[in-house]
Amino acid sequence: MYTLGINAVFHDSAACLIKDGQLIAAAEEERFTQIKHGKRPIPFSTYELPFHAINYCLETANIHLKDVDHFAYSFDPSLLLGDHSGKPTIEIPLEQGMETGSSKWTNPWDPLFLSSIINAYRQLSDGYPHHLQKRFKGANVDRSRWHFVEHHIAHAASAYYPSPFTRAAVMTIDGRGEVATTTYNLGTGNDLIRLGQVDMPHSLGLLYERVTSYLGFLHSSDEYKVMALASYGKPVFINEFRDMIKVYDNGQYTITNERLEERFGPTRERNAPFTEHHFNIARSLQFVLEEVVLELVHWLHRETKEENLCLDGGVALNCVLNARIRDKGPFKNIWVQPAAGDAGTALGAAIYTDLQQNKQADKNYRMPHAYWGPEYSDAEIEKFLQWAKVPYRKLQNIAEETADILLQDKIIGWFQGRMEFGPRALGSRSILASPMSPSMQSRLNVVKDREDFRPVAPVVLEEDAAEWFRNASQSPFMLSVFDVQPDKASLIPAVRHVDGTARIQTVNGEQHQQYYDLLKAFKQKSGVPVLVNTSFNTLGKPIVCTPRDAVECFWSSPFDALVIGSYIVEKNPVGTPAL
């Protein structure tokens, strides 16, 4: 039985395919279109399904759309339309909890928006791009096979079912779903039991989004920049943020009286200089977010008395918050879905529907890694390099020769194996560098045209993680921070953030052999089992997907080399004079 999961609401459109309880493929639409977050400009953003991501999933399984048994869509309009008469089941003023201006398309109470969701299944039959017709043409998607899954159920399912736990408390926090913004669930065996929820317009995710916009960043996109900015500030405005948020003893909270300009002054203009004032606002927001979520986590633990916690939703991508929950929370074990943002709801919707349709199945949706996207063989890569007339040579030992290049303090693009699912580059579509030079962080920020306050993250051999990062354990998805060990800080200055932490990724041979071998080779030559790993993209662009994307990014950016499959492309090969 094939189940196709789809997220096409709000942002981060994605698709996922499950066959008989096994994950086959998952990818975000942005990687194929190279349009950040997978959305085209208004008015098209509300209507498009992730056709390219769907096509990839079908291609991986070598099936046609008509071979799919069930379709799972991670938004349920019936929660807003009731009996589909047009009368909402809840009364919430349109202006409450909504942003203004260019983001009005995200308003789920807009009739045209809801109509596009209700009729989304029809798009699969006749709305696909012409060049993808091989796996779409002739399919008639019957409404009976189309399943609307509540947005936060999809979030919770993507957190719990792929986790290593058979019992766990589950918390989801994002900007908004149909109605809920935060949910609490108990996962036990195949069941997800809803324990409570916080509804619109009260949303920690939306508050963080609004401050993101206030600080001159893009909301629903740049929240991680606010998290990085916070490390440079002091929590001098915590009372102001505490005044906005009231937490109750039953897992509920309310957010009122934001008035950001009234409290903090004029909004920062995009590209304007950052001041201490901006740093302090970001730090205060992050401080109170951690404080509030930790209180909610303690309530959930009292309610469930479980030792395991699963986290999902866009707020769960806040790795500083995750570390606070890990270190100060009551749960013994924590698992965060690597695609915790809306892209992951495609996976959650597919798993949830798969279980609903096959109730005899066991919970068997493990995610030991995040490599579920496209891969390209050496033959395909070489064919493209020849076609593009790109000079290249074949490496005899990829790990050893790449480690030698990195030891020369050069920056490389690294294109190996299946692409990652989720927002983090985890060694398949990465930019890699040595962590031993203090200037490497600023060099990489120049390469990627990023703000100078942005940190870069380390990847470390799993077996060496605790020696280099305090209390570090397995962390394959780069979703939590750890303190750099004091005696190692001077050896890896490029990855040590201003607050002394690093957002680490651990890797072992079972997760990604080529990546692991490179780290082993680098350790053998340098004594350091750590590399800088940042995403293979530049400003405003998604992570690269295809060999063409990689080569175009490489030649339009000041990288030194591109290691793509078994081949290397260099701008200044050994023996060639620098330009």
Protein backbone atom coordinates (compact mmCIF):
# COMPACT_ATOMS: atom_id res chain seq x y z
CA MET A 1 0.00 0.00 0.00
CA TYR A 2 1.37 3.39 -1.06
CA THR A 3 0.49 6.51 0.94
CA LEU A 4 1.52 9.92 -0.37
CA GLY A 5 1.82 12.73 2.17
CA ILE A 6 1.50 16.35 1.05
CA ASN A 7 2.10 19.70 2.73
CA ALA A 8 1.06 22.67 0.62
CA VAL A 9 -0.34 25.13 3.16
CA PHE A 10 1.45 28.24 4.44
CA HIS A 11 5.09 27.47 3.52
CA ASP A 12 7.70 24.72 3.09
CA SER A 13 5.66 22.63 0.67
CA ALA A 14 6.80 19.02 0.66
CA ALA A 15 5.88 15.46 -0.25
CA CYS A 16 6.55 12.08 1.30
CA LEU A 17 5.89 8.51 0.19
CA ILE A 18 5.35 5.51 2.46
CA LYS A 19 5.01 1.92 1.27
CA ASP A 20 3.59 -0.67 3.68
CA GLY A 21 4.76 1.28 6.71
CA GLN A 22 8.24 2.05 5.35
CA LEU A 23 9.46 5.52 4.44
CA ILE A 24 10.57 5.56 0.79
CA ALA A 25 11.22 9.21 -0.01
CA ALA A 26 10.66 12.72 1.33
CA ALA A 27 11.67 16.14 0.02
CA GLU A 28 10.76 19.82 0.02
CA GLU A 29 9.48 21.48 -3.13
CA GLU A 30 11.98 24.33 -2.82
CA ARG A 31 14.88 22.03 -3.65
CA PHE A 32 13.47 21.32 -7.10
CA THR A 33 12.16 24.78 -7.99
CA GLN A 34 14.98 26.62 -6.17
CA ILE A 35 12.32 28.99 -4.82
CA LYS A 36 12.88 29.48 -1.10
CA HIS A 37 10.23 27.78 1.05
CA GLY A 38 8.54 26.40 -2.06
CA LYS A 39 6.12 29.26 -2.61
CA ARG A 40 5.72 31.40 -5.69
CA PRO A 41 4.66 35.04 -5.41
CA ILE A 42 1.01 35.84 -4.68
CA PRO A 43 -1.52 34.86 -5.97
CA PHE A 44 -0.14 31.48 -7.03
CA SER A 45 1.26 30.47 -3.64
CA THR A 46 -2.09 29.35 -2.30
CA TYR A 47 -2.92 26.97 -5.11
CA GLU A 48 0.17 25.00 -6.03
CA LEU A 49 0.80 21.49 -4.83
CA PRO A 50 4.46 20.37 -4.53
CA PHE A 51 4.36 18.65 -7.91
CA HIS A 52 8.14 18.32 -8.26
CA ALA A 53 8.52 16.77 -4.81
CA ILE A 54 5.60 14.44 -5.54
CA ASN A 55 7.17 13.47 -8.86
CA TYR A 56 10.44 12.69 -7.09
CA CYS A 57 8.64 10.41 -4.62
CA LEU A 58 6.84 8.57 -7.42
CA GLU A 59 10.07 8.27 -9.41
CA THR A 60 11.93 6.80 -6.43
CA ALA A 61 9.29 4.09 -6.06
CA ASN A 62 9.03 3.76 -9.88
CA ILE A 63 5.26 4.15 -9.81
CA HIS A 64 2.59 6.32 -11.43
CA LEU A 65 0.26 8.58 -9.50
CA LYS A 66 -2.59 6.15 -10.18
CA ASP A 67 -0.67 3.52 -8.19
CA VAL A 68 -0.98 5.54 -4.98
CA ASP A 69 -3.61 4.06 -2.67
CA HIS A 70 -4.09 7.00 -0.29
CA PHE A 71 -3.31 10.69 -0.26
CA ALA A 72 -2.79 12.53 3.03
CA TYR A 73 -2.96 16.33 3.12
CA SER A 74 -1.68 18.05 6.28
CA PHE A 75 -4.53 20.52 6.79
CA ASP A 76 -8.18 19.88 7.55
CA PRO A 77 -10.52 22.62 6.30
CA SER A 78 -13.52 20.99 7.99
CA LEU A 79 -12.20 22.35 11.29
CA LEU A 80 -12.92 25.80 9.91
CA LEU A 81 -15.92 25.11 7.70
CA GLY A 82 -17.86 22.65 9.85
CA ASP A 83 -20.44 21.15 7.55
CA HIS A 84 -18.92 22.99 4.54
CA SER A 85 -21.84 25.41 4.56
CA GLY A 86 -19.37 28.26 4.86
CA LYS A 87 -20.06 28.96 8.52
CA PRO A 88 -16.92 28.58 10.65
CA THR A 89 -17.10 26.23 13.60
CA ILE A 90 -15.31 28.83 15.72
CA GLU A 91 -15.71 32.58 15.88
CA ILE A 92 -12.34 34.32 15.63
CA PRO A 93 -12.10 37.86 14.20
CA LEU A 94 -10.08 37.87 11.01
CA GLU A 95 -7.62 40.45 12.25
CA GLN A 96 -6.71 38.55 15.40
CA GLY A 97 -3.53 36.53 15.25
CA MET A 98 -2.96 37.46 11.61
CA GLU A 99 -0.07 39.32 10.08
CA THR A 100 -0.58 42.10 7.59
CA GLY A 101 0.77 43.16 4.23
CA SER A 102 2.50 40.60 2.03
CA SER A 103 1.61 37.67 4.31
CA LYS A 104 -2.17 37.99 3.98
CA TRP A 105 -2.13 34.89 1.79
CA THR A 106 -1.44 32.83 4.91
CA ASN A 107 -4.83 33.77 6.35
CA PRO A 108 -6.68 30.42 6.66
CA TRP A 109 -10.04 32.13 7.01
CA ASP A 110 -9.96 33.44 3.45
CA PRO A 111 -12.69 31.64 1.42
CA LEU A 112 -10.55 31.39 -1.73
CA PHE A 113 -7.71 29.91 0.31
CA LEU A 114 -9.99 27.29 1.84
CA SER A 115 -11.57 26.50 -1.51
CA SER A 116 -8.15 25.75 -2.98
CA ILE A 117 -7.49 23.31 -0.12
CA ILE A 118 -10.86 21.56 -0.39
CA ASN A 119 -10.31 21.03 -4.11
CA ALA A 120 -6.59 20.25 -3.92
CA TYR A 121 -7.09 16.63 -5.00
CA ARG A 122 -8.40 17.82 -8.37
CA GLN A 123 -5.08 19.57 -9.05
CA LEU A 124 -3.30 16.23 -9.10
CA SER A 125 -5.39 15.19 -12.09
CA ASP A 126 -4.98 18.29 -14.22
CA GLY A 127 -2.78 20.90 -12.53
CA TYR A 128 0.66 19.32 -12.83
CA PRO A 129 3.40 20.98 -14.93
CA HIS A 130 3.58 19.68 -18.49
CA HIS A 131 7.13 18.33 -18.17
CA LEU A 132 6.07 16.05 -15.31
CA GLN A 133 3.22 14.35 -17.15
CA LYS A 134 5.00 10.97 -17.31
CA ARG A 135 3.92 10.09 -13.76
CA PHE A 136 0.74 12.20 -13.57
CA LYS A 137 -1.08 11.99 -16.89
CA GLY A 138 -4.17 9.83 -16.88
CA ALA A 139 -4.55 9.66 -13.11
CA ASN A 140 -7.98 10.25 -11.64
CA VAL A 141 -7.63 10.94 -7.93
CA ASP A 142 -10.82 9.76 -6.29
CA ARG A 143 -12.00 11.93 -3.39
CA SER A 144 -12.49 8.81 -1.27
CA ARG A 145 -8.74 8.21 -1.30
CA TRP A 146 -7.95 11.79 -0.26
CA HIS A 147 -7.58 12.36 3.51
CA PHE A 148 -7.41 15.72 5.24
CA VAL A 149 -5.29 15.43 8.39
CA GLU A 150 -5.36 18.11 11.07
CA HIS A 151 -2.16 20.15 10.83
CA HIS A 152 -1.09 19.54 14.42
CA ILE A 153 -1.94 15.84 14.27
CA ALA A 154 0.43 15.71 11.31
CA HIS A 155 3.07 17.52 13.36
CA ALA A 156 2.57 15.18 16.33
CA ALA A 157 2.62 12.08 14.11
CA SER A 158 5.88 13.14 12.46
CA ALA A 159 7.42 13.61 15.90
CA TYR A 160 6.22 10.47 17.66
CA TYR A 161 5.97 7.67 15.10
CA PRO A 162 9.52 7.98 13.63
CA SER A 163 11.00 8.40 17.13
CA PRO A 164 12.78 5.56 18.93
CA PHE A 165 10.05 5.48 21.60
CA THR A 166 6.96 3.29 21.96
CA ARG A 167 5.58 5.65 24.61
CA ALA A 168 6.17 9.38 24.82
CA ALA A 169 4.69 12.75 25.61
CA VAL A 170 4.42 14.82 22.44
CA MET A 171 4.46 18.62 22.23
CA THR A 172 3.96 20.58 19.01
CA ILE A 173 4.45 24.36 18.81
CA ASP A 174 4.28 26.39 15.62
CA GLY A 175 2.75 29.58 14.25
CA ARG A 176 -0.70 28.24 13.49
CA GLY A 177 -2.63 25.29 12.17
CA GLU A 178 -6.34 25.40 11.38
CA VAL A 179 -7.17 26.41 14.95
CA ALA A 180 -4.46 25.04 17.25
CA THR A 181 -1.05 26.65 17.73
CA THR A 182 0.25 24.33 20.47
CA THR A 183 -0.83 20.77 21.22
CA TYR A 184 -0.09 18.15 23.85
CA ASN A 185 -0.41 14.47 23.06
CA LEU A 186 0.39 11.10 24.54
CA GLY A 187 1.88 8.59 22.15
CA THR A 188 1.41 4.97 23.16
CA GLY A 189 1.94 2.17 20.67
CA ASN A 190 0.04 3.13 17.53
CA ASP A 191 -2.16 5.67 19.29
CA LEU A 192 -1.87 9.43 19.63
CA ILE A 193 -4.14 10.78 22.36
CA ARG A 194 -4.79 14.54 22.45
CA LEU A 195 -4.43 15.87 26.01
CA GLY A 196 -4.97 19.54 25.29
CA GLN A 197 -4.25 22.43 22.96
CA VAL A 198 -3.82 26.19 22.75
CA ASP A 199 -5.81 27.88 20.00
CA MET A 200 -5.52 30.97 17.83
CA PRO A 201 -4.88 33.83 18.27
CA HIS A 202 -2.53 32.82 21.09
CA SER A 203 0.69 31.56 19.53
CA LEU A 204 4.29 31.51 20.68
CA GLY A 205 5.31 30.83 17.10
CA LEU A 206 3.50 33.90 15.79
CA LEU A 207 4.97 36.07 18.54
CA TYR A 208 8.46 34.96 17.51
CA GLU A 209 7.53 35.62 13.87
CA ARG A 210 6.35 39.14 14.66
CA VAL A 211 9.53 40.00 16.52
CA THR A 212 11.47 38.52 13.59
CA SER A 213 9.69 40.97 11.29
CA TYR A 214 10.13 43.81 13.78
CA LEU A 215 13.90 43.22 13.74
CA GLY A 216 13.96 43.55 9.95
CA PHE A 217 14.06 39.87 8.99
CA LEU A 218 11.66 37.73 6.95
CA HIS A 219 9.03 36.04 9.10
CA SER A 220 8.40 32.31 8.60
CA SER A 221 11.96 32.19 7.30
CA ASP A 222 14.53 34.03 9.42
CA GLU A 223 13.57 33.12 12.97
CA TYR A 224 16.86 31.26 13.38
CA LYS A 225 18.66 34.57 12.79
CA VAL A 226 16.88 36.07 15.80
CA MET A 227 18.04 33.07 17.85
CA ALA A 228 21.65 33.74 16.75
CA LEU A 229 21.29 37.48 17.37
CA ALA A 230 20.11 36.77 20.92
CA SER A 231 23.54 35.52 21.96
CA TYR A 232 24.92 39.06 21.63
CA GLY A 233 22.35 40.71 23.88
CA LYS A 234 21.22 40.96 27.47
CA PRO A 235 17.71 40.07 28.73
CA VAL A 236 16.85 43.64 29.71
CA PHE A 237 13.31 43.47 28.28
CA ILE A 238 12.13 40.25 29.91
CA ASN A 239 9.42 42.06 31.87
CA GLU A 240 8.02 43.48 28.65
CA PHE A 241 7.76 40.02 27.10
CA ARG A 242 6.48 38.47 30.31
CA ASP A 243 3.75 41.11 30.23
CA MET A 244 2.67 39.82 26.80
CA ILE A 245 2.44 36.15 27.83
CA LYS A 246 0.38 34.70 30.65
CA VAL A 247 0.86 30.99 31.43
CA TYR A 248 -1.76 28.99 33.31
CA ASP A 249 -1.38 25.79 35.31
CA ASN A 250 -3.27 23.64 32.79
CA GLY A 251 -0.95 23.94 29.80
CA GLN A 252 -2.73 27.01 28.50
CA TYR A 253 -1.26 30.43 27.78
CA THR A 254 -2.50 33.69 26.31
CA ILE A 255 -0.63 36.37 24.37
CA THR A 256 -1.95 39.93 24.42
CA ASN A 257 -0.87 43.54 24.11
CA GLU A 258 2.19 43.06 21.95
CA ARG A 259 2.49 46.67 20.72
CA LEU A 260 6.12 46.15 19.68
CA GLU A 261 6.74 49.65 18.33
CA GLU A 262 5.11 51.22 21.36
CA ARG A 263 7.30 49.15 23.67
CA PHE A 264 10.59 49.11 21.78
CA GLY A 265 10.51 51.98 19.28
CA PRO A 266 10.47 51.98 15.45
CA THR A 267 10.83 48.75 13.51
CA ARG A 268 14.36 48.10 12.25
CA GLU A 269 14.60 48.68 8.53
CA ARG A 270 15.95 45.75 6.54
CA ASN A 271 19.72 46.07 6.01
CA ALA A 272 19.99 48.81 8.65
CA PRO A 273 22.81 48.38 11.19
CA PHE A 274 22.19 46.27 14.26
CA THR A 275 22.47 48.00 17.61
CA GLU A 276 22.72 46.80 21.19
CA HIS A 277 19.01 47.58 21.44
CA HIS A 278 18.22 44.97 18.77
CA PHE A 279 20.49 42.40 20.43
CA ASN A 280 18.72 42.96 23.75
CA ILE A 281 15.24 42.56 22.23
CA ALA A 282 16.26 39.25 20.63
CA ARG A 283 17.88 38.02 23.86
CA SER A 284 14.84 38.94 25.93
CA LEU A 285 12.45 37.21 23.53
CA GLN A 286 14.58 34.05 23.53
CA PHE A 287 14.87 34.12 27.33
CA VAL A 288 11.11 34.36 27.86
CA LEU A 289 10.35 31.78 25.15
CA GLU A 290 12.60 29.30 26.96
CA GLU A 291 11.04 30.20 30.29
CA VAL A 292 7.48 29.73 29.04
CA VAL A 293 8.08 26.52 27.08
CA LEU A 294 9.94 25.01 30.01
CA GLU A 295 6.92 25.69 32.20
CA LEU A 296 4.65 24.00 29.63
CA VAL A 297 7.04 21.04 29.44
CA HIS A 298 6.88 20.59 33.22
CA TRP A 299 3.08 20.63 33.06
CA LEU A 300 3.09 18.00 30.31
CA HIS A 301 5.40 15.80 32.35
CA ARG A 302 3.10 16.03 35.38
CA GLU A 303 0.15 15.08 33.18
CA THR A 304 1.77 12.12 31.43
CA LYS A 305 4.48 10.98 33.89
CA GLU A 306 6.40 9.75 30.85
CA GLU A 307 10.19 9.79 30.60
CA ASN A 308 10.29 10.46 26.83
CA LEU A 309 9.38 13.68 25.02
CA CYS A 310 8.93 14.24 21.27
CA LEU A 311 8.99 17.78 19.88
CA ASP A 312 7.71 19.16 16.59
CA GLY A 313 6.54 22.38 14.95
CA GLY A 314 8.62 25.32 13.78
CA VAL A 315 9.48 26.35 17.34
CA ALA A 316 11.14 22.94 17.83
CA LEU A 317 13.81 24.04 15.33
CA ASN A 318 15.05 26.48 17.98
CA CYS A 319 18.13 24.53 19.04
CA VAL A 320 18.90 26.80 22.02
CA LEU A 321 15.41 26.16 23.37
CA ASN A 322 15.85 22.43 22.84
CA ALA A 323 19.05 22.48 24.86
CA ARG A 324 17.24 24.27 27.70
CA ILE A 325 14.51 21.62 27.68
CA ARG A 326 17.18 18.92 27.67
CA ASP A 327 19.19 20.42 30.54
CA LYS A 328 16.44 21.94 32.72
CA GLY A 329 13.38 19.88 31.82
CA PRO A 330 11.96 16.83 33.61
CA PHE A 331 12.11 14.36 30.70
CA LYS A 332 14.89 11.80 30.53
CA ASN A 333 14.96 11.48 26.72
CA ILE A 334 14.07 13.97 23.98
CA TRP A 335 13.64 13.39 20.24
CA VAL A 336 13.06 16.20 17.76
CA GLN A 337 11.85 15.55 14.22
CA PRO A 338 14.62 16.77 11.83
CA ALA A 339 11.96 18.27 9.54
CA ALA A 340 10.08 19.81 12.48
CA GLY A 341 8.76 22.71 10.40
CA ASP A 342 5.77 22.46 8.10
CA ALA A 343 7.66 20.30 5.59
CA GLY A 344 7.56 17.48 8.12
CA THR A 345 3.77 17.50 8.21
CA ALA A 346 3.83 15.73 4.83
CA LEU A 347 5.56 12.86 6.60
CA GLY A 348 3.25 13.01 9.61
CA ALA A 349 0.10 13.06 7.51
CA ALA A 350 1.33 10.06 5.51
CA ILE A 351 2.21 8.04 8.62
CA TYR A 352 -1.05 8.90 10.36
CA THR A 353 -3.13 7.95 7.33
CA ASP A 354 -1.11 4.80 6.73
CA LEU A 355 -1.85 3.66 10.29
CA GLN A 356 -5.53 4.58 10.02
CA GLN A 357 -5.88 2.52 6.87
CA ASN A 358 -3.87 -0.42 8.17
CA LYS A 359 -4.69 -0.72 11.84
CA GLN A 360 -2.85 -4.04 12.14
CA ALA A 361 0.49 -2.37 11.38
CA ASP A 362 3.04 -1.83 14.14
CA LYS A 363 4.74 1.48 14.86
CA ASN A 364 7.70 1.02 12.55
CA TYR A 365 8.58 4.39 11.05
CA ARG A 366 12.13 4.90 12.29
CA MET A 367 14.28 7.85 11.14
CA PRO A 368 17.88 7.06 12.11
CA HIS A 369 18.94 9.65 9.53
CA ALA A 370 17.42 12.40 7.37
CA TYR A 371 18.71 11.31 3.94
CA TRP A 372 15.46 10.73 2.06
CA GLY A 373 15.94 13.01 -0.97
CA PRO A 374 17.34 12.52 -4.48
CA GLU A 375 20.78 11.08 -5.18
CA TYR A 376 22.85 11.03 -8.36
CA SER A 377 25.19 8.32 -9.57
CA ASP A 378 28.75 8.99 -10.69
CA ALA A 379 27.62 8.32 -14.25
CA GLU A 380 24.93 11.00 -14.02
CA ILE A 381 27.32 13.46 -12.41
CA GLU A 382 30.08 12.92 -14.97
CA LYS A 383 27.61 13.17 -17.84
CA PHE A 384 26.54 16.60 -16.59
CA LEU A 385 30.10 17.81 -16.00
CA GLN A 386 31.04 16.80 -19.55
CA TRP A 387 27.94 18.45 -21.00
CA ALA A 388 28.63 21.66 -19.09
CA LYS A 389 32.30 21.59 -20.20
CA VAL A 390 33.38 21.86 -16.58
CA PRO A 391 37.02 20.83 -15.91
CA TYR A 392 37.13 17.98 -13.41
CA ARG A 393 39.12 14.97 -12.32
CA LYS A 394 38.25 11.74 -10.56
CA LEU A 395 39.42 11.24 -7.00
CA GLN A 396 41.17 7.99 -6.13
CA ASN A 397 40.30 8.27 -2.42
CA ILE A 398 37.53 10.78 -1.77
CA ALA A 399 38.00 11.03 2.01
CA GLU A 400 41.80 11.24 2.03
CA GLU A 401 42.13 13.75 -0.82
CA THR A 402 39.30 15.94 0.43
CA ALA A 403 40.82 16.00 3.93
CA ASP A 404 44.11 17.20 2.40
CA ILE A 405 42.30 20.08 0.70
CA LEU A 406 40.51 21.05 3.92
CA LEU A 407 43.83 21.06 5.78
CA GLN A 408 44.95 23.79 3.36
CA ASP A 409 42.19 25.96 4.88
CA LYS A 410 40.17 25.78 1.69
CA ILE A 411 36.38 25.85 1.48
CA ILE A 412 34.63 23.08 -0.42
CA GLY A 413 31.19 22.25 -1.65
CA TRP A 414 30.33 18.66 -0.67
CA PHE A 415 27.70 16.83 -2.77
CA GLN A 416 27.30 13.17 -1.74
CA GLY A 417 24.46 10.66 -1.59
CA ARG A 418 20.77 11.29 -0.92
CA MET A 419 19.72 14.85 -0.11
CA GLU A 420 18.59 15.71 3.40
CA PHE A 421 14.92 16.12 4.36
CA GLY A 422 14.42 19.18 6.54
CA PRO A 423 16.11 22.57 6.80
CA ARG A 424 19.56 21.38 7.93
CA ALA A 425 22.41 20.36 5.66
CA LEU A 426 23.75 17.20 7.25
CA GLY A 427 26.60 16.16 5.02
CA SER A 428 24.92 15.43 1.71
CA ARG A 429 24.53 19.00 0.44
CA SER A 430 27.01 20.86 2.63
CA ILE A 431 29.77 23.44 2.55
CA LEU A 432 32.69 22.10 4.57
CA ALA A 433 35.81 23.71 6.02
CA SER A 434 38.42 23.28 8.73
CA PRO A 435 37.33 24.58 12.17
CA MET A 436 40.88 25.38 13.26
CA SER A 437 41.20 28.89 11.81
CA PRO A 438 39.61 31.74 13.84
CA SER A 439 38.78 33.54 10.58
CA MET A 440 36.84 30.67 9.01
CA GLN A 441 33.44 31.72 10.40
CA SER A 442 33.72 35.20 8.87
CA ARG A 443 35.10 33.76 5.61
CA LEU A 444 32.11 31.44 5.30
CA ASN A 445 29.69 34.26 6.04
CA VAL A 446 31.28 36.20 3.18
CA VAL A 447 31.04 33.19 0.88
CA LYS A 448 27.34 32.83 1.67
CA ASP A 449 26.69 36.59 1.86
CA ARG A 450 25.36 36.19 5.42
CA GLU A 451 25.21 38.53 8.38
CA ASP A 452 28.49 38.59 10.31
CA PHE A 453 26.82 37.58 13.61
CA ARG A 454 25.71 34.23 12.21
CA PRO A 455 27.55 31.21 13.68
CA VAL A 456 28.63 28.16 11.72
CA ALA A 457 28.06 24.68 13.06
CA PRO A 458 30.37 21.71 13.63
CA VAL A 459 30.00 18.10 12.63
CA VAL A 460 31.87 15.69 14.88
CA LEU A 461 32.52 11.97 14.94
CA GLU A 462 29.88 10.46 17.21
CA GLU A 463 32.44 8.54 19.23
CA ASP A 464 34.44 11.73 19.94
CA ALA A 465 31.55 14.11 20.60
CA ALA A 466 31.66 14.09 24.41
CA GLU A 467 35.41 14.74 24.43
CA TRP A 468 34.96 17.94 22.43
CA PHE A 469 31.50 19.14 23.54
CA ARG A 470 30.33 19.01 27.14
CA ASN A 471 27.85 16.20 27.88
CA ALA A 472 27.35 15.66 24.17
CA SER A 473 25.45 12.58 23.08
CA GLN A 474 24.09 11.37 19.76
CA SER A 475 22.81 14.43 17.88
CA PRO A 476 22.49 13.52 14.19
CA PHE A 477 20.08 16.30 13.19
CA MET A 478 21.85 19.44 14.46
CA LEU A 479 18.89 20.42 16.64
CA SER A 480 20.54 21.22 19.96
CA VAL A 481 23.51 23.17 21.27
CA PHE A 482 26.28 22.01 23.60
CA ASP A 483 29.10 23.89 25.32
CA VAL A 484 32.49 23.52 23.72
CA GLN A 485 34.86 21.80 26.14
CA PRO A 486 37.17 24.49 27.58
CA ASP A 487 40.35 22.59 26.72
CA LYS A 488 39.22 22.22 23.09
CA ALA A 489 37.97 25.75 22.44
CA SER A 490 41.27 27.06 21.08
CA LEU A 491 41.49 24.13 18.65
CA ILE A 492 38.12 24.76 16.97
CA PRO A 493 37.51 28.54 17.24
CA ALA A 494 35.50 28.72 14.02
CA VAL A 495 32.58 26.73 15.44
CA ARG A 496 32.47 28.19 18.94
CA HIS A 497 29.69 30.77 19.12
CA VAL A 498 30.04 33.98 21.12
CA ASP A 499 28.21 32.33 24.05
CA GLY A 500 30.60 29.37 24.10
CA THR A 501 28.17 26.90 22.53
CA ALA A 502 28.00 25.02 19.25
CA ARG A 503 25.05 23.49 17.40
CA ILE A 504 26.56 20.10 16.76
CA GLN A 505 25.86 17.27 14.38
CA THR A 506 27.20 13.85 15.29
CA VAL A 507 27.74 11.26 12.58
CA ASN A 508 28.48 7.53 12.49
CA GLY A 509 29.21 5.14 9.65
CA GLU A 510 25.68 3.76 9.44
CA GLN A 511 24.16 7.19 8.87
CA HIS A 512 26.47 8.47 6.13
CA GLN A 513 29.59 6.42 5.37
CA GLN A 514 31.29 8.86 3.00
CA TYR A 515 30.82 11.77 5.41
CA TYR A 516 32.06 9.66 8.33
CA ASP A 517 35.12 8.53 6.39
CA LEU A 518 36.01 12.15 5.62
CA LEU A 519 35.88 13.08 9.30
CA LYS A 520 38.01 10.06 10.19
CA ALA A 521 40.58 11.05 7.57
CA PHE A 522 40.63 14.66 8.79
CA LYS A 523 41.08 13.49 12.39
CA GLN A 524 43.93 11.20 11.40
CA LYS A 525 45.76 14.05 9.66
CA SER A 526 45.01 16.86 12.13
CA GLY A 527 44.04 15.30 15.45
CA VAL A 528 40.69 17.12 15.22
CA PRO A 529 37.52 15.01 14.61
CA VAL A 530 35.50 18.13 13.75
CA LEU A 531 34.64 20.02 10.56
CA VAL A 532 32.63 23.13 9.88
CA ASN A 533 29.37 22.20 8.18
CA THR A 534 26.98 24.76 6.74
CA SER A 535 24.32 24.42 4.09
CA PHE A 536 25.26 24.32 0.41
CA ASN A 537 23.48 27.45 -0.74
CA THR A 538 23.88 31.22 -0.92
CA LEU A 539 21.73 34.14 0.21
CA GLY A 540 18.04 33.75 -0.58
CA LYS A 541 18.42 30.37 -2.27
CA PRO A 542 17.44 26.91 -1.01
CA ILE A 543 19.99 24.16 -0.47
CA VAL A 544 21.17 22.72 -3.79
CA CYS A 545 19.55 19.55 -5.06
CA THR A 546 21.00 18.57 -8.44
CA PRO A 547 24.53 18.50 -9.90
CA ARG A 548 23.54 21.53 -11.96
CA ASP A 549 22.50 23.44 -8.83
CA ALA A 550 25.79 22.52 -7.17
CA VAL A 551 27.96 23.57 -10.12
CA GLU A 552 26.09 26.86 -10.60
CA CYS A 553 26.39 27.70 -6.90
CA PHE A 554 30.08 26.75 -6.92
CA TRP A 555 31.03 28.89 -9.90
CA SER A 556 29.06 31.91 -8.69
CA SER A 557 30.57 31.83 -5.17
CA PRO A 558 34.14 32.03 -3.83
CA PHE A 559 34.48 28.33 -3.00
CA ASP A 560 37.83 26.68 -3.64
CA ALA A 561 36.66 23.23 -4.71
CA LEU A 562 33.56 21.12 -5.32
CA VAL A 563 33.66 17.44 -4.36
CA ILE A 564 30.71 15.94 -6.19
CA GLY A 565 30.38 12.18 -6.11
CA SER A 566 33.78 10.75 -6.99
CA TYR A 567 34.82 13.90 -8.86
CA ILE A 568 36.41 17.19 -7.92
CA VAL A 569 36.12 20.57 -9.61
CA GLU A 570 38.72 23.14 -8.58
CA LYS A 571 39.11 26.82 -9.38
CA ASN A 572 42.85 26.85 -8.71
CA PRO A 573 44.17 23.29 -8.95
CA VAL A 574 47.63 22.51 -7.60
CA GLY A 575 50.22 23.89 -10.02
CA THR A 576 47.83 26.45 -11.51
CA PRO A 577 48.66 30.12 -10.73
CA ALA A 578 45.96 32.01 -8.83
CA LEU A 579 44.07 34.59 -10.85
